[in-house]
Amino acid sequence: MSEISFQAEKVFVHRWPHDTPLWGDSVKQKLDETISKNPESKKIFVYSNSVKIQDFEFTNLKKIGISVPFFKDECRMIFESQFGELYAHIHITVKSNEYMDVFSKLKSWKSEFFPNDSNK
């Protein structure tokens, strides 16, 4: 698997854990404008060990959760990561008709590249 790409209707990025370096105002503003508070759908690229959203590449992925919530026609991916020297928690929501296909691809990706990752 070389990469998975899809459109996400909603993406939210926040600093996590709280004992990591604070984000500067310019970083917060760019994340809000391009990702978190931007109502347009975002193009997501998932590689073997990173996820790219807009101009941000998130690495050192861990605590990856991929699910289809009860009573909702959507797929969610949540993970902890780094971008540069900063730490983040990312929430991605896919609501398109292809959400089950995206879910299946993401579950296969996680099994292949992060077989020992757990949410403990």
C-alpha atoms as a PDB file:
ATOM      1  CA  MET A   1       0.000   0.000   0.000  1.00  0.00           C
ATOM      2  CA  SER A   2       1.641   3.219  -1.127  1.00  0.00           C
ATOM      3  CA  GLU A   3      -0.873   5.783   0.103  1.00  0.00           C
ATOM      4  CA  ILE A   4      -4.525   6.279   0.918  1.00  0.00           C
ATOM      5  CA  SER A   5      -6.175   9.531  -0.073  1.00  0.00           C
ATOM      6  CA  PHE A   6      -9.683  10.749   0.645  1.00  0.00           C
ATOM      7  CA  GLN A   7     -11.735  13.841   1.403  1.00  0.00           C
ATOM      8  CA  ALA A   8     -12.735  14.565   4.993  1.00  0.00           C
ATOM      9  CA  GLU A   9     -15.654  16.826   5.753  1.00  0.00           C
ATOM     10  CA  LYS A  10     -14.412  17.674   9.234  1.00  0.00           C
ATOM     11  CA  VAL A  11     -10.932  17.796  10.767  1.00  0.00           C
ATOM     12  CA  PHE A  12     -10.027  19.152  14.185  1.00  0.00           C
ATOM     13  CA  VAL A  13      -6.448  19.579  15.430  1.00  0.00           C
ATOM     14  CA  HIS A  14      -5.545  20.511  19.000  1.00  0.00           C
ATOM     15  CA  ARG A  15      -2.456  20.444  21.205  1.00  0.00           C
ATOM     16  CA  TRP A  16      -2.096  17.194  23.117  1.00  0.00           C
ATOM     17  CA  PRO A  17      -0.858  16.173  25.583  1.00  0.00           C
ATOM     18  CA  HIS A  18      -1.105  19.331  27.655  1.00  0.00           C
ATOM     19  CA  ASP A  19       2.425  19.004  29.057  1.00  0.00           C
ATOM     20  CA  THR A  20       3.982  19.520  25.595  1.00  0.00           C
ATOM     21  CA  PRO A  21       5.332  22.826  24.198  1.00  0.00           C
ATOM     22  CA  LEU A  22       2.729  25.538  23.631  1.00  0.00           C
ATOM     23  CA  TRP A  23       1.812  26.449  20.060  1.00  0.00           C
ATOM     24  CA  GLY A  24       2.547  29.974  18.916  1.00  0.00           C
ATOM     25  CA  ASP A  25      -0.327  32.212  17.815  1.00  0.00           C
ATOM     26  CA  SER A  26       0.735  31.979  14.155  1.00  0.00           C
ATOM     27  CA  VAL A  27       0.640  28.154  14.263  1.00  0.00           C
ATOM     28  CA  LYS A  28      -2.795  28.154  15.909  1.00  0.00           C
ATOM     29  CA  GLN A  29      -4.090  30.695  13.397  1.00  0.00           C
ATOM     30  CA  LYS A  30      -2.787  28.729  10.390  1.00  0.00           C
ATOM     31  CA  LEU A  31      -4.259  25.455  11.724  1.00  0.00           C
ATOM     32  CA  ASP A  32      -7.626  27.133  12.375  1.00  0.00           C
ATOM     33  CA  GLU A  33      -7.734  28.837   8.966  1.00  0.00           C
ATOM     34  CA  THR A  34      -6.630  25.846   6.901  1.00  0.00           C
ATOM     35  CA  ILE A  35      -8.003  22.904   8.901  1.00  0.00           C
ATOM     36  CA  SER A  36      -9.982  23.158  12.139  1.00  0.00           C
ATOM     37  CA  LYS A  37     -12.291  26.114  11.385  1.00  0.00           C
ATOM     38  CA  ASN A  38     -12.279  25.823   7.593  1.00  0.00           C
ATOM     39  CA  PRO A  39     -15.718  24.549   6.452  1.00  0.00           C
ATOM     40  CA  GLU A  40     -14.370  23.188   3.146  1.00  0.00           C
ATOM     41  CA  SER A  41     -13.571  19.481   2.883  1.00  0.00           C
ATOM     42  CA  LYS A  42      -9.902  18.639   3.324  1.00  0.00           C
ATOM     43  CA  LYS A  43      -7.761  16.289   1.262  1.00  0.00           C
ATOM     44  CA  ILE A  44      -6.131  13.672   3.483  1.00  0.00           C
ATOM     45  CA  PHE A  45      -3.092  11.625   2.474  1.00  0.00           C
ATOM     46  CA  VAL A  46      -2.179   8.646   4.642  1.00  0.00           C
ATOM     47  CA  TYR A  47       1.314   7.225   4.111  1.00  0.00           C
ATOM     48  CA  SER A  48       3.029   4.319   5.840  1.00  0.00           C
ATOM     49  CA  ASN A  49       4.103   6.393   8.853  1.00  0.00           C
ATOM     50  CA  SER A  50       2.583   9.856   8.431  1.00  0.00           C
ATOM     51  CA  VAL A  51      -0.625  11.707   7.601  1.00  0.00           C
ATOM     52  CA  LYS A  52      -0.727  14.880   5.505  1.00  0.00           C
ATOM     53  CA  ILE A  53      -3.609  17.339   5.866  1.00  0.00           C
ATOM     54  CA  GLN A  54      -3.417  20.514   3.790  1.00  0.00           C
ATOM     55  CA  ASP A  55       0.155  21.861   4.305  1.00  0.00           C
ATOM     56  CA  PHE A  56       0.773  19.963   7.547  1.00  0.00           C
ATOM     57  CA  GLU A  57       2.504  16.601   7.774  1.00  0.00           C
ATOM     58  CA  PHE A  58       1.899  14.689  11.004  1.00  0.00           C
ATOM     59  CA  THR A  59       4.481  12.085  12.052  1.00  0.00           C
ATOM     60  CA  ASN A  60       5.233   9.843  15.052  1.00  0.00           C
ATOM     61  CA  LEU A  61       1.675   8.546  14.983  1.00  0.00           C
ATOM     62  CA  LYS A  62       0.348   6.677  18.007  1.00  0.00           C
ATOM     63  CA  LYS A  63      -2.901   5.818  19.804  1.00  0.00           C
ATOM     64  CA  ILE A  64      -4.651   5.490  16.465  1.00  0.00           C
ATOM     65  CA  GLY A  65      -8.389   4.902  16.643  1.00  0.00           C
ATOM     66  CA  ILE A  66     -10.522   4.143  13.585  1.00  0.00           C
ATOM     67  CA  SER A  67     -14.260   3.651  14.014  1.00  0.00           C
ATOM     68  CA  VAL A  68     -17.764   3.900  12.614  1.00  0.00           C
ATOM     69  CA  PRO A  69     -19.914   5.453  15.374  1.00  0.00           C
ATOM     70  CA  PHE A  70     -23.302   3.989  16.238  1.00  0.00           C
ATOM     71  CA  PHE A  71     -26.248   5.516  14.349  1.00  0.00           C
ATOM     72  CA  LYS A  72     -24.025   7.610  12.060  1.00  0.00           C
ATOM     73  CA  ASP A  73     -23.076   7.148   8.432  1.00  0.00           C
ATOM     74  CA  GLU A  74     -19.483   8.239   8.906  1.00  0.00           C
ATOM     75  CA  CYS A  75     -15.978   7.035   9.675  1.00  0.00           C
ATOM     76  CA  ARG A  76     -13.680   8.625  12.239  1.00  0.00           C
ATOM     77  CA  MET A  77      -9.942   8.490  12.685  1.00  0.00           C
ATOM     78  CA  ILE A  78      -8.303   9.902  15.809  1.00  0.00           C
ATOM     79  CA  PHE A  79      -4.579   9.838  16.590  1.00  0.00           C
ATOM     80  CA  GLU A  80      -1.745  11.519  18.456  1.00  0.00           C
ATOM     81  CA  SER A  81       1.188  12.841  16.459  1.00  0.00           C
ATOM     82  CA  GLN A  82       3.841  15.490  15.961  1.00  0.00           C
ATOM     83  CA  PHE A  83       4.306  18.175  13.340  1.00  0.00           C
ATOM     84  CA  GLY A  84       7.773  19.580  13.557  1.00  0.00           C
ATOM     85  CA  GLU A  85       8.583  19.942  17.251  1.00  0.00           C
ATOM     86  CA  LEU A  86       4.926  20.340  18.262  1.00  0.00           C
ATOM     87  CA  TYR A  87       2.460  17.700  19.446  1.00  0.00           C
ATOM     88  CA  ALA A  88      -1.143  17.291  18.360  1.00  0.00           C
ATOM     89  CA  HIS A  89      -4.300  15.216  18.627  1.00  0.00           C
ATOM     90  CA  ILE A  90      -6.143  14.928  15.310  1.00  0.00           C
ATOM     91  CA  HIS A  91      -9.828  14.091  14.738  1.00  0.00           C
ATOM     92  CA  ILE A  92     -10.834  13.286  11.137  1.00  0.00           C
ATOM     93  CA  THR A  93     -14.469  12.658  10.113  1.00  0.00           C
ATOM     94  CA  VAL A  94     -15.510  11.243   6.720  1.00  0.00           C
ATOM     95  CA  LYS A  95     -19.222  11.571   5.933  1.00  0.00           C
ATOM     96  CA  SER A  96     -19.220  10.885   2.184  1.00  0.00           C
ATOM     97  CA  ASN A  97     -20.883   7.856   0.607  1.00  0.00           C
ATOM     98  CA  GLU A  98     -17.451   6.170   0.546  1.00  0.00           C
ATOM     99  CA  TYR A  99     -17.015   6.248   4.338  1.00  0.00           C
ATOM    100  CA  MET A 100     -17.096   2.422   4.646  1.00  0.00           C
ATOM    101  CA  ASP A 101     -14.455   2.076   1.919  1.00  0.00           C
ATOM    102  CA  VAL A 102     -12.270   4.652   3.704  1.00  0.00           C
ATOM    103  CA  PHE A 103     -12.853   2.819   7.017  1.00  0.00           C
ATOM    104  CA  SER A 104     -11.764  -0.494   5.473  1.00  0.00           C
ATOM    105  CA  LYS A 105      -8.606   1.013   3.938  1.00  0.00           C
ATOM    106  CA  LEU A 106      -7.655   2.752   7.193  1.00  0.00           C
ATOM    107  CA  LYS A 107      -8.160  -0.432   9.242  1.00  0.00           C
ATOM    108  CA  SER A 108      -5.912  -2.350   6.807  1.00  0.00           C
ATOM    109  CA  TRP A 109      -3.316   0.447   6.948  1.00  0.00           C
ATOM    110  CA  LYS A 110      -3.285   0.410  10.743  1.00  0.00           C
ATOM    111  CA  SER A 111      -2.957  -3.396  10.833  1.00  0.00           C
ATOM    112  CA  GLU A 112      -0.046  -3.289   8.382  1.00  0.00           C
ATOM    113  CA  PHE A 113       1.969  -0.354   9.726  1.00  0.00           C
ATOM    114  CA  PHE A 114       0.914  -0.129  13.392  1.00  0.00           C
ATOM    115  CA  PRO A 115       0.077  -3.713  14.446  1.00  0.00           C
ATOM    116  CA  ASN A 116       1.110  -3.119  18.071  1.00  0.00           C
ATOM    117  CA  ASP A 117      -0.576   0.251  18.528  1.00  0.00           C
ATOM    118  CA  SER A 118      -3.236   0.252  21.193  1.00  0.00           C
ATOM    119  CA  ASN A 119      -5.371   2.835  22.910  1.00  0.00           C
ATOM    120  CA  LYS A 120      -4.200   1.901  26.387  1.00  0.00           C
END
